[in-house]
C-alpha cells in the first residue's frame, strides 16, 4: 500500500532506520525549540548529586553553589525550616521554583527535572 506521508525513512542493510527525511519547515521549527533548550544547562556535578546520590535537585544546586540552607532562606526572606521543606518537596510548584532559582541566581528551568 502506498500512502503519501510527510516523512520518509531510510533503512540500512541491517533493517534499522538510518535516516528520516523531514520537511524543511518542520525541521526549522524543531531547531528553534532545540536552540532555546540549549540555553538551559545543568552542571555535571549537580546532575551527579541529584541522580547518583538521590539528592533533591534544589539541594544539589545549593550544595554546588556552596550555600547553606540558612543563606538561601535569608535571600528568600523565609525561615530555614520553611526553606528545608521546599528543598525536600517531591514536586515544588513552578512559582516556588522561580523564587528559589532567583535566590540561587540560576534560571528557574534549571530546577525542573
PDB file of N, CA and C in Angstrom:
ATOM      1  N   UNK A   1       0.839  -1.167   0.000  1.00  0.00           N
ATOM      2  CA  UNK A   1       0.000   0.000   0.000  1.00  0.00           C
ATOM      3  C   UNK A   1       0.890   1.238   0.000  1.00  0.00           C
ATOM      4  N   UNK A   2       0.662   2.144  -0.923  1.00  0.00           N
ATOM      5  CA  UNK A   2       1.417   3.386  -0.994  1.00  0.00           C
ATOM      6  C   UNK A   2       0.567   4.531  -0.468  1.00  0.00           C
ATOM      7  N   UNK A   3       1.019   5.120   0.604  1.00  0.00           N
ATOM      8  CA  UNK A   3       0.317   6.236   1.215  1.00  0.00           C
ATOM      9  C   UNK A   3       1.288   7.399   1.289  1.00  0.00           C
ATOM     10  N   UNK A   4       0.827   8.582   0.906  1.00  0.00           N
ATOM     11  CA  UNK A   4       1.677   9.761   0.974  1.00  0.00           C
ATOM     12  C   UNK A   4       1.803  10.210   2.432  1.00  0.00           C
ATOM     13  N   UNK A   5       3.025  10.325   2.896  1.00  0.00           N
ATOM     14  CA  UNK A   5       3.274  10.820   4.243  1.00  0.00           C
ATOM     15  C   UNK A   5       4.228  12.000   4.158  1.00  0.00           C
ATOM     16  N   UNK A   6       4.324  12.746   5.242  1.00  0.00           N
ATOM     17  CA  UNK A   6       5.222  13.890   5.273  1.00  0.00           C
ATOM     18  C   UNK A   6       6.670  13.468   5.454  1.00  0.00           C
ATOM     19  N   UNK A   7       6.880  12.288   6.006  1.00  0.00           N
ATOM     20  CA  UNK A   7       8.221  11.847   6.343  1.00  0.00           C
ATOM     21  C   UNK A   7       8.597  10.614   5.542  1.00  0.00           C
ATOM     22  N   UNK A   8       9.892  10.490   5.294  1.00  0.00           N
ATOM     23  CA  UNK A   8      10.408   9.280   4.659  1.00  0.00           C
ATOM     24  C   UNK A   8      11.481   8.702   5.555  1.00  0.00           C
ATOM     25  N   UNK A   9      11.542   7.388   5.586  1.00  0.00           N
ATOM     26  CA  UNK A   9      12.514   6.695   6.424  1.00  0.00           C
ATOM     27  C   UNK A   9      13.447   5.909   5.511  1.00  0.00           C
ATOM     28  N   UNK A  10      14.728   6.015   5.777  1.00  0.00           N
ATOM     29  CA  UNK A  10      15.724   5.259   5.014  1.00  0.00           C
ATOM     30  C   UNK A  10      16.281   4.190   5.931  1.00  0.00           C
ATOM     31  N   UNK A  11      16.172   2.958   5.472  1.00  0.00           N
ATOM     32  CA  UNK A  11      16.577   1.804   6.264  1.00  0.00           C
ATOM     33  C   UNK A  11      17.900   1.265   5.739  1.00  0.00           C
ATOM     34  N   UNK A  12      18.796   0.924   6.652  1.00  0.00           N
ATOM     35  CA  UNK A  12      20.084   0.365   6.279  1.00  0.00           C
ATOM     36  C   UNK A  12      19.990  -1.121   5.986  1.00  0.00           C
ATOM     37  N   UNK A  13      21.112  -1.697   5.593  1.00  0.00           N
ATOM     38  CA  UNK A  13      21.140  -3.123   5.258  1.00  0.00           C
ATOM     39  C   UNK A  13      20.839  -4.005   6.469  1.00  0.00           C
ATOM     40  N   UNK A  14      20.989  -3.450   7.666  1.00  0.00           N
ATOM     41  CA  UNK A  14      20.690  -4.216   8.879  1.00  0.00           C
ATOM     42  C   UNK A  14      19.215  -4.144   9.269  1.00  0.00           C
ATOM     43  N   UNK A  15      18.410  -3.409   8.477  1.00  0.00           N
ATOM     44  CA  UNK A  15      16.988  -3.298   8.748  1.00  0.00           C
ATOM     45  C   UNK A  15      16.630  -2.199   9.723  1.00  0.00           C
ATOM     46  N   UNK A  16      17.613  -1.496  10.242  1.00  0.00           N
ATOM     47  CA  UNK A  16      17.363  -0.419  11.204  1.00  0.00           C
ATOM     48  C   UNK A  16      17.279   0.922  10.482  1.00  0.00           C
ATOM     49  N   UNK A  17      16.464   1.812  11.031  1.00  0.00           N
ATOM     50  CA  UNK A  17      16.329   3.151  10.456  1.00  0.00           C
ATOM     51  C   UNK A  17      17.664   3.884  10.560  1.00  0.00           C
ATOM     52  N   UNK A  18      18.101   4.433   9.452  1.00  0.00           N
ATOM     53  CA  UNK A  18      19.351   5.177   9.407  1.00  0.00           C
ATOM     54  C   UNK A  18      19.109   6.690   9.324  1.00  0.00           C
ATOM     55  N   UNK A  19      18.063   7.079   8.586  1.00  0.00           N
ATOM     56  CA  UNK A  19      17.768   8.496   8.374  1.00  0.00           C
ATOM     57  C   UNK A  19      16.271   8.714   8.292  1.00  0.00           C
ATOM     58  N   UNK A  20      15.855   9.948   8.611  1.00  0.00           N
ATOM     59  CA  UNK A  20      14.496  10.394   8.356  1.00  0.00           C
ATOM     60  C   UNK A  20      14.586  11.624   7.477  1.00  0.00           C
ATOM     61  N   UNK A  21      13.717  11.723   6.494  1.00  0.00           N
ATOM     62  CA  UNK A  21      13.600  12.928   5.689  1.00  0.00           C
ATOM     63  C   UNK A  21      12.395  13.692   6.223  1.00  0.00           C
ATOM     64  N   UNK A  22      12.649  14.948   6.605  1.00  0.00           N
ATOM     65  CA  UNK A  22      11.633  15.781   7.239  1.00  0.00           C
ATOM     66  C   UNK A  22      11.487  17.061   6.427  1.00  0.00           C
ATOM     67  N   UNK A  23      10.254  17.555   6.231  1.00  0.00           N
ATOM     68  CA  UNK A  23      10.092  18.831   5.521  1.00  0.00           C
ATOM     69  C   UNK A  23      10.891  19.950   6.203  1.00  0.00           C
ATOM     70  N   UNK A  24      11.459  20.826   5.408  1.00  0.00           N
ATOM     71  CA  UNK A  24      12.329  21.892   5.904  1.00  0.00           C
ATOM     72  C   UNK A  24      11.620  22.775   6.935  1.00  0.00           C
ATOM     73  N   UNK A  25      10.380  23.137   6.686  1.00  0.00           N
ATOM     74  CA  UNK A  25       9.653  23.987   7.638  1.00  0.00           C
ATOM     75  C   UNK A  25       9.571  23.338   9.018  1.00  0.00           C
ATOM     76  N   UNK A  26       9.284  22.047   9.044  1.00  0.00           N
ATOM     77  CA  UNK A  26       9.193  21.346  10.325  1.00  0.00           C
ATOM     78  C   UNK A  26      10.563  21.209  10.980  1.00  0.00           C
ATOM     79  N   UNK A  27      11.589  21.000  10.172  1.00  0.00           N
ATOM     80  CA  UNK A  27      12.949  20.931  10.713  1.00  0.00           C
ATOM     81  C   UNK A  27      13.304  22.262  11.371  1.00  0.00           C
ATOM     82  N   UNK A  28      12.998  23.362  10.722  1.00  0.00           N
ATOM     83  CA  UNK A  28      13.300  24.676  11.286  1.00  0.00           C
ATOM     84  C   UNK A  28      12.556  24.912  12.602  1.00  0.00           C
ATOM     85  N   UNK A  29      11.319  24.445  12.697  1.00  0.00           N
ATOM     86  CA  UNK A  29      10.569  24.568  13.949  1.00  0.00           C
ATOM     87  C   UNK A  29      11.238  23.755  15.051  1.00  0.00           C
ATOM     88  N   UNK A  30      11.663  22.554  14.726  1.00  0.00           N
ATOM     89  CA  UNK A  30      12.347  21.712  15.709  1.00  0.00           C
ATOM     90  C   UNK A  30      13.660  22.351  16.160  1.00  0.00           C
ATOM     91  N   UNK A  31      14.399  22.907  15.229  1.00  0.00           N
ATOM     92  CA  UNK A  31      15.675  23.546  15.570  1.00  0.00           C
ATOM     93  C   UNK A  31      15.467  24.771  16.451  1.00  0.00           C
ATOM     94  N   UNK A  32      14.404  25.518  16.205  1.00  0.00           N
ATOM     95  CA  UNK A  32      14.122  26.693  17.038  1.00  0.00           C
ATOM     96  C   UNK A  32      13.891  26.273  18.485  1.00  0.00           C
ATOM     97  N   UNK A  33      13.165  25.180  18.692  1.00  0.00           N
ATOM     98  CA  UNK A  33      12.937  24.681  20.054  1.00  0.00           C
ATOM     99  C   UNK A  33      14.238  24.179  20.662  1.00  0.00           C
ATOM    100  N   UNK A  34      15.046  23.526  19.870  1.00  0.00           N
ATOM    101  CA  UNK A  34      16.313  22.977  20.357  1.00  0.00           C
ATOM    102  C   UNK A  34      17.233  24.100  20.825  1.00  0.00           C
ATOM    103  N   UNK A  35      17.307  25.172  20.073  1.00  0.00           N
ATOM    104  CA  UNK A  35      18.183  26.284  20.448  1.00  0.00           C
ATOM    105  C   UNK A  35      17.771  26.884  21.778  1.00  0.00           C
ATOM    106  N   UNK A  36      16.481  27.046  22.017  1.00  0.00           N
ATOM    107  CA  UNK A  36      16.055  27.623  23.286  1.00  0.00           C
ATOM    108  C   UNK A  36      16.348  26.661  24.430  1.00  0.00           C
ATOM    109  N   UNK A  37      16.246  25.360  24.192  1.00  0.00           N
ATOM    110  CA  UNK A  37      16.564  24.379  25.220  1.00  0.00           C
ATOM    111  C   UNK A  37      18.056  24.350  25.534  1.00  0.00           C
ATOM    112  N   UNK A  38      18.899  24.645  24.540  1.00  0.00           N
ATOM    113  CA  UNK A  38      20.335  24.599  24.749  1.00  0.00           C
ATOM    114  C   UNK A  38      20.821  25.702  25.672  1.00  0.00           C
ATOM    115  N   UNK A  39      20.027  26.745  25.827  1.00  0.00           N
ATOM    116  CA  UNK A  39      20.424  27.844  26.685  1.00  0.00           C
ATOM    117  C   UNK A  39      20.393  27.438  28.157  1.00  0.00           C
ATOM    118  N   UNK A  40      19.642  26.414  28.481  1.00  0.00           N
ATOM    119  CA  UNK A  40      19.499  25.967  29.857  1.00  0.00           C
ATOM    120  C   UNK A  40      20.332  24.706  30.052  1.00  0.00           C
ATOM    121  N   UNK A  41      21.327  24.800  30.921  1.00  0.00           N
ATOM    122  CA  UNK A  41      22.177  23.643  31.187  1.00  0.00           C
ATOM    123  C   UNK A  41      22.255  23.396  32.690  1.00  0.00           C
ATOM    124  N   UNK A  42      22.626  22.179  33.023  1.00  0.00           N
ATOM    125  CA  UNK A  42      22.819  21.818  34.423  1.00  0.00           C
ATOM    126  C   UNK A  42      24.211  21.224  34.549  1.00  0.00           C
ATOM    127  N   UNK A  43      25.052  21.749  35.432  1.00  0.00           N
ATOM    128  CA  UNK A  43      26.415  21.243  35.588  1.00  0.00           C
ATOM    129  C   UNK A  43      26.433  19.751  35.953  1.00  0.00           C
ATOM    130  N   UNK A  44      27.456  19.080  35.493  1.00  0.00           N
ATOM    131  CA  UNK A  44      27.619  17.649  35.753  1.00  0.00           C
ATOM    132  C   UNK A  44      27.582  17.344  37.245  1.00  0.00           C
ATOM    133  N   UNK A  45      28.207  18.182  38.048  1.00  0.00           N
ATOM    134  CA  UNK A  45      28.242  17.953  39.496  1.00  0.00           C
ATOM    135  C   UNK A  45      26.834  17.952  40.090  1.00  0.00           C
ATOM    136  N   UNK A  46      25.968  18.838  39.599  1.00  0.00           N
ATOM    137  CA  UNK A  46      24.589  18.899  40.093  1.00  0.00           C
ATOM    138  C   UNK A  46      23.832  17.642  39.680  1.00  0.00           C
ATOM    139  N   UNK A  47      24.011  17.230  38.435  1.00  0.00           N
ATOM    140  CA  UNK A  47      23.352  16.015  37.940  1.00  0.00           C
ATOM    141  C   UNK A  47      23.810  14.795  38.739  1.00  0.00           C
ATOM    142  N   UNK A  48      25.099  14.716  39.012  1.00  0.00           N
ATOM    143  CA  UNK A  48      25.639  13.590  39.785  1.00  0.00           C
ATOM    144  C   UNK A  48      25.015  13.535  41.174  1.00  0.00           C
ATOM    145  N   UNK A  49      24.947  14.676  41.861  1.00  0.00           N
ATOM    146  CA  UNK A  49      24.350  14.693  43.197  1.00  0.00           C
ATOM    147  C   UNK A  49      22.870  14.305  43.142  1.00  0.00           C
ATOM    148  N   UNK A  50      22.180  14.801  42.140  1.00  0.00           N
ATOM    149  CA  UNK A  50      20.746  14.548  42.030  1.00  0.00           C
ATOM    150  C   UNK A  50      20.448  13.093  41.649  1.00  0.00           C
ATOM    151  N   UNK A  51      21.165  12.568  40.674  1.00  0.00           N
ATOM    152  CA  UNK A  51      20.857  11.233  40.166  1.00  0.00           C
ATOM    153  C   UNK A  51      21.539  10.136  40.976  1.00  0.00           C
ATOM    154  N   UNK A  52      22.842  10.236  41.145  1.00  0.00           N
ATOM    155  CA  UNK A  52      23.573   9.149  41.801  1.00  0.00           C
ATOM    156  C   UNK A  52      23.440   9.170  43.318  1.00  0.00           C
ATOM    157  N   UNK A  53      23.403  10.362  43.897  1.00  0.00           N
ATOM    158  CA  UNK A  53      23.299  10.464  45.353  1.00  0.00           C
ATOM    159  C   UNK A  53      21.857  10.674  45.818  1.00  0.00           C
ATOM    160  N   UNK A  54      20.925  10.725  44.843  1.00  0.00           N
ATOM    161  CA  UNK A  54      19.496  10.887  45.121  1.00  0.00           C
ATOM    162  C   UNK A  54      19.186  12.108  45.980  1.00  0.00           C
ATOM    163  N   UNK A  55      19.926  13.168  45.752  1.00  0.00           N
ATOM    164  CA  UNK A  55      19.717  14.434  46.454  1.00  0.00           C
ATOM    165  C   UNK A  55      18.656  15.231  45.699  1.00  0.00           C
ATOM    166  N   UNK A  56      17.717  15.869  46.402  1.00  0.00           N
ATOM    167  CA  UNK A  56      16.752  16.718  45.691  1.00  0.00           C
ATOM    168  C   UNK A  56      17.488  17.751  44.826  1.00  0.00           C
ATOM    169  N   UNK A  57      16.920  18.046  43.658  1.00  0.00           N
ATOM    170  CA  UNK A  57      17.591  18.934  42.709  1.00  0.00           C
ATOM    171  C   UNK A  57      17.911  20.299  43.319  1.00  0.00           C
ATOM    172  N   UNK A  58      16.991  20.856  44.080  1.00  0.00           N
ATOM    173  CA  UNK A  58      17.246  22.167  44.701  1.00  0.00           C
ATOM    174  C   UNK A  58      18.416  22.067  45.676  1.00  0.00           C
ATOM    175  N   UNK A  59      18.473  20.993  46.440  1.00  0.00           N
ATOM    176  CA  UNK A  59      19.576  20.792  47.389  1.00  0.00           C
ATOM    177  C   UNK A  59      20.897  20.609  46.650  1.00  0.00           C
ATOM    178  N   UNK A  60      20.861  19.902  45.533  1.00  0.00           N
ATOM    179  CA  UNK A  60      22.080  19.695  44.745  1.00  0.00           C
ATOM    180  C   UNK A  60      22.625  21.031  44.227  1.00  0.00           C
ATOM    181  N   UNK A  61      21.725  21.890  43.748  1.00  0.00           N
ATOM    182  CA  UNK A  61      22.161  23.213  43.290  1.00  0.00           C
ATOM    183  C   UNK A  61      22.739  24.027  44.446  1.00  0.00           C
ATOM    184  N   UNK A  62      22.060  24.012  45.586  1.00  0.00           N
ATOM    185  CA  UNK A  62      22.533  24.784  46.737  1.00  0.00           C
ATOM    186  C   UNK A  62      23.918  24.314  47.163  1.00  0.00           C
ATOM    187  N   UNK A  63      24.100  23.001  47.217  1.00  0.00           N
ATOM    188  CA  UNK A  63      25.399  22.429  47.586  1.00  0.00           C
ATOM    189  C   UNK A  63      26.458  22.807  46.560  1.00  0.00           C
ATOM    190  N   UNK A  64      26.114  22.701  45.285  1.00  0.00           N
ATOM    191  CA  UNK A  64      27.051  23.052  44.208  1.00  0.00           C
ATOM    192  C   UNK A  64      27.498  24.516  44.310  1.00  0.00           C
ATOM    193  N   UNK A  65      26.585  25.375  44.737  1.00  0.00           N
ATOM    194  CA  UNK A  65      26.897  26.802  44.857  1.00  0.00           C
ATOM    195  C   UNK A  65      27.508  27.158  46.210  1.00  0.00           C
ATOM    196  N   UNK A  66      27.777  26.137  47.014  1.00  0.00           N
ATOM    197  CA  UNK A  66      28.399  26.310  48.343  1.00  0.00           C
ATOM    198  C   UNK A  66      27.594  27.244  49.246  1.00  0.00           C
ATOM    199  N   UNK A  67      26.286  27.062  49.239  1.00  0.00           N
ATOM    200  CA  UNK A  67      25.410  27.865  50.089  1.00  0.00           C
ATOM    201  C   UNK A  67      24.788  26.984  51.163  1.00  0.00           C
ATOM    202  N   UNK A  68      24.451  27.580  52.291  1.00  0.00           N
ATOM    203  CA  UNK A  68      23.741  26.856  53.341  1.00  0.00           C
ATOM    204  C   UNK A  68      22.243  27.103  53.172  1.00  0.00           C
ATOM    205  N   UNK A  69      21.456  26.260  53.815  1.00  0.00           N
ATOM    206  CA  UNK A  69      20.015  26.479  53.793  1.00  0.00           C
ATOM    207  C   UNK A  69      19.684  27.837  54.399  1.00  0.00           C
ATOM    208  N   UNK A  70      20.381  28.206  55.451  1.00  0.00           N
ATOM    209  CA  UNK A  70      20.141  29.488  56.115  1.00  0.00           C
ATOM    210  C   UNK A  70      20.387  30.654  55.152  1.00  0.00           C
ATOM    211  N   UNK A  71      21.466  30.579  54.359  1.00  0.00           N
ATOM    212  CA  UNK A  71      21.775  31.667  53.419  1.00  0.00           C
ATOM    213  C   UNK A  71      20.679  31.810  52.361  1.00  0.00           C
ATOM    214  N   UNK A  72      20.233  30.689  51.821  1.00  0.00           N
ATOM    215  CA  UNK A  72      19.198  30.749  50.788  1.00  0.00           C
ATOM    216  C   UNK A  72      17.886  31.226  51.398  1.00  0.00           C
ATOM    217  N   UNK A  73      17.563  30.741  52.580  1.00  0.00           N
ATOM    218  CA  UNK A  73      16.342  31.165  53.269  1.00  0.00           C
ATOM    219  C   UNK A  73      16.353  32.672  53.503  1.00  0.00           C
ATOM    220  N   UNK A  74      17.488  33.201  53.914  1.00  0.00           N
ATOM    221  CA  UNK A  74      17.609  34.642  54.153  1.00  0.00           C
ATOM    222  C   UNK A  74      17.365  35.419  52.857  1.00  0.00           C
ATOM    223  N   UNK A  75      17.919  34.924  51.754  1.00  0.00           N
ATOM    224  CA  UNK A  75      17.708  35.586  50.461  1.00  0.00           C
ATOM    225  C   UNK A  75      16.239  35.573  50.053  1.00  0.00           C
ATOM    226  N   UNK A  76      15.502  34.551  50.514  1.00  0.00           N
ATOM    227  CA  UNK A  76      14.085  34.418  50.168  1.00  0.00           C
ATOM    228  C   UNK A  76      13.170  35.058  51.223  1.00  0.00           C
ATOM    229  N   UNK A  77      13.771  35.567  52.307  1.00  0.00           N
ATOM    230  CA  UNK A  77      13.007  36.150  53.421  1.00  0.00           C
ATOM    231  C   UNK A  77      12.045  35.143  54.053  1.00  0.00           C
ATOM    232  N   UNK A  78      12.537  33.922  54.243  1.00  0.00           N
ATOM    233  CA  UNK A  78      11.762  32.890  54.924  1.00  0.00           C
ATOM    234  C   UNK A  78      12.666  32.229  55.956  1.00  0.00           C
ATOM    235  N   UNK A  79      12.088  31.385  56.801  1.00  0.00           N
ATOM    236  CA  UNK A  79      12.897  30.695  57.810  1.00  0.00           C
ATOM    237  C   UNK A  79      13.661  29.532  57.176  1.00  0.00           C
ATOM    238  N   UNK A  80      14.690  29.099  57.856  1.00  0.00           N
ATOM    239  CA  UNK A  80      15.470  27.949  57.386  1.00  0.00           C
ATOM    240  C   UNK A  80      14.583  26.705  57.345  1.00  0.00           C
ATOM    241  N   UNK A  81      13.694  26.567  58.319  1.00  0.00           N
ATOM    242  CA  UNK A  81      12.788  25.404  58.358  1.00  0.00           C
ATOM    243  C   UNK A  81      11.853  25.396  57.147  1.00  0.00           C
ATOM    244  N   UNK A  82      11.343  26.568  56.795  1.00  0.00           N
ATOM    245  CA  UNK A  82      10.466  26.666  55.622  1.00  0.00           C
ATOM    246  C   UNK A  82      11.229  26.329  54.351  1.00  0.00           C
ATOM    247  N   UNK A  83      12.472  26.829  54.273  1.00  0.00           N
ATOM    248  CA  UNK A  83      13.282  26.518  53.094  1.00  0.00           C
ATOM    249  C   UNK A  83      13.577  25.021  53.016  1.00  0.00           C
ATOM    250  N   UNK A  84      13.848  24.399  54.146  1.00  0.00           N
ATOM    251  CA  UNK A  84      14.124  22.965  54.182  1.00  0.00           C
ATOM    252  C   UNK A  84      12.945  22.173  53.623  1.00  0.00           C
ATOM    253  N   UNK A  85      11.728  22.593  53.955  1.00  0.00           N
ATOM    254  CA  UNK A  85      10.544  21.921  53.419  1.00  0.00           C
ATOM    255  C   UNK A  85      10.465  22.065  51.905  1.00  0.00           C
ATOM    256  N   UNK A  86      10.780  23.256  51.398  1.00  0.00           N
ATOM    257  CA  UNK A  86      10.784  23.490  49.948  1.00  0.00           C
ATOM    258  C   UNK A  86      11.818  22.590  49.284  1.00  0.00           C
ATOM    259  N   UNK A  87      13.010  22.557  49.865  1.00  0.00           N
ATOM    260  CA  UNK A  87      14.119  21.801  49.285  1.00  0.00           C
ATOM    261  C   UNK A  87      13.810  20.311  49.212  1.00  0.00           C
ATOM    262  N   UNK A  88      13.053  19.801  50.167  1.00  0.00           N
ATOM    263  CA  UNK A  88      12.760  18.373  50.215  1.00  0.00           C
ATOM    264  C   UNK A  88      11.411  17.994  49.616  1.00  0.00           C
ATOM    265  N   UNK A  89      10.687  18.979  49.074  1.00  0.00           N
ATOM    266  CA  UNK A  89       9.395  18.700  48.444  1.00  0.00           C
ATOM    267  C   UNK A  89       9.599  17.828  47.202  1.00  0.00           C
ATOM    268  N   UNK A  90       8.692  16.906  46.989  1.00  0.00           N
ATOM    269  CA  UNK A  90       8.786  15.997  45.831  1.00  0.00           C
ATOM    270  C   UNK A  90       8.638  16.743  44.508  1.00  0.00           C
ATOM    271  N   UNK A  91       7.687  17.664  44.453  1.00  0.00           N
ATOM    272  CA  UNK A  91       7.423  18.377  43.205  1.00  0.00           C
ATOM    273  C   UNK A  91       6.996  19.815  43.516  1.00  0.00           C
ATOM    274  N   UNK A  92       7.983  20.702  43.782  1.00  0.00           N
ATOM    275  CA  UNK A  92       7.633  22.083  44.132  1.00  0.00           C
ATOM    276  C   UNK A  92       6.901  22.783  42.971  1.00  0.00           C
ATOM    277  N   UNK A  93       5.980  23.668  43.326  1.00  0.00           N
ATOM    278  CA  UNK A  93       5.248  24.427  42.311  1.00  0.00           C
ATOM    279  C   UNK A  93       6.209  25.301  41.510  1.00  0.00           C
ATOM    280  N   UNK A  94       5.795  25.657  40.302  1.00  0.00           N
ATOM    281  CA  UNK A  94       6.634  26.487  39.443  1.00  0.00           C
ATOM    282  C   UNK A  94       6.930  27.832  40.096  1.00  0.00           C
ATOM    283  N   UNK A  95       5.948  28.425  40.748  1.00  0.00           N
ATOM    284  CA  UNK A  95       6.163  29.717  41.416  1.00  0.00           C
ATOM    285  C   UNK A  95       7.238  29.588  42.496  1.00  0.00           C
ATOM    286  N   UNK A  96       7.223  28.476  43.209  1.00  0.00           N
ATOM    287  CA  UNK A  96       8.231  28.231  44.251  1.00  0.00           C
ATOM    288  C   UNK A  96       9.598  28.041  43.621  1.00  0.00           C
ATOM    289  N   UNK A  97       9.655  27.252  42.541  1.00  0.00           N
ATOM    290  CA  UNK A  97      10.940  27.044  41.851  1.00  0.00           C
ATOM    291  C   UNK A  97      11.517  28.365  41.352  1.00  0.00           C
ATOM    292  N   UNK A  98      10.651  29.262  40.897  1.00  0.00           N
ATOM    293  CA  UNK A  98      11.125  30.572  40.419  1.00  0.00           C
ATOM    294  C   UNK A  98      11.737  31.376  41.559  1.00  0.00           C
ATOM    295  N   UNK A  99      11.107  31.348  42.731  1.00  0.00           N
ATOM    296  CA  UNK A  99      11.635  32.090  43.886  1.00  0.00           C
ATOM    297  C   UNK A  99      12.969  31.502  44.341  1.00  0.00           C
ATOM    298  N   UNK A 100      13.049  30.178  44.382  1.00  0.00           N
ATOM    299  CA  UNK A 100      14.302  29.522  44.782  1.00  0.00           C
ATOM    300  C   UNK A 100      15.396  29.827  43.761  1.00  0.00           C
ATOM    301  N   UNK A 101      15.059  29.731  42.489  1.00  0.00           N
ATOM    302  CA  UNK A 101      16.048  29.998  41.436  1.00  0.00           C
ATOM    303  C   UNK A 101      16.589  31.420  41.540  1.00  0.00           C
ATOM    304  N   UNK A 102      15.718  32.360  41.814  1.00  0.00           N
ATOM    305  CA  UNK A 102      16.164  33.747  41.977  1.00  0.00           C
ATOM    306  C   UNK A 102      17.144  33.856  43.146  1.00  0.00           C
ATOM    307  N   UNK A 103      16.834  33.192  44.242  1.00  0.00           N
ATOM    308  CA  UNK A 103      17.720  33.223  45.414  1.00  0.00           C
ATOM    309  C   UNK A 103      19.058  32.554  45.122  1.00  0.00           C
ATOM    310  N   UNK A 104      19.036  31.519  44.272  1.00  0.00           N
ATOM    311  CA  UNK A 104      20.277  30.813  43.918  1.00  0.00           C
ATOM    312  C   UNK A 104      21.040  31.502  42.789  1.00  0.00           C
ATOM    313  N   UNK A 105      20.358  32.401  42.070  1.00  0.00           N
ATOM    314  CA  UNK A 105      20.997  33.088  40.947  1.00  0.00           C
ATOM    315  C   UNK A 105      21.074  32.226  39.700  1.00  0.00           C
ATOM    316  N   UNK A 106      20.065  31.369  39.495  1.00  0.00           N
ATOM    317  CA  UNK A 106      20.036  30.499  38.313  1.00  0.00           C
ATOM    318  C   UNK A 106      18.692  30.661  37.606  1.00  0.00           C
ATOM    319  N   UNK A 107      18.585  30.087  36.417  1.00  0.00           N
ATOM    320  CA  UNK A 107      17.338  30.093  35.653  1.00  0.00           C
ATOM    321  C   UNK A 107      16.396  29.058  36.280  1.00  0.00           C
ATOM    322  N   UNK A 108      15.131  29.432  36.489  1.00  0.00           N
ATOM    323  CA  UNK A 108      14.203  28.510  37.164  1.00  0.00           C
ATOM    324  C   UNK A 108      14.037  27.199  36.393  1.00  0.00           C
ATOM    325  N   UNK A 109      14.274  27.235  35.082  1.00  0.00           N
ATOM    326  CA  UNK A 109      14.142  25.998  34.279  1.00  0.00           C
ATOM    327  C   UNK A 109      15.212  24.983  34.661  1.00  0.00           C
ATOM    328  N   UNK A 110      16.288  25.432  35.300  1.00  0.00           N
ATOM    329  CA  UNK A 110      17.324  24.521  35.751  1.00  0.00           C
ATOM    330  C   UNK A 110      16.903  23.734  36.984  1.00  0.00           C
ATOM    331  N   UNK A 111      15.752  24.065  37.538  1.00  0.00           N
ATOM    332  CA  UNK A 111      15.239  23.334  38.704  1.00  0.00           C
ATOM    333  C   UNK A 111      14.128  22.373  38.306  1.00  0.00           C
ATOM    334  N   UNK A 112      13.970  22.135  37.018  1.00  0.00           N
ATOM    335  CA  UNK A 112      12.976  21.183  36.528  1.00  0.00           C
ATOM    336  C   UNK A 112      13.682  19.921  36.096  1.00  0.00           C
ATOM    337  N   UNK A 113      13.342  18.846  36.750  1.00  0.00           N
ATOM    338  CA  UNK A 113      13.997  17.573  36.406  1.00  0.00           C
ATOM    339  C   UNK A 113      13.139  16.758  35.489  1.00  0.00           C
TER     340      UNK A 113
END
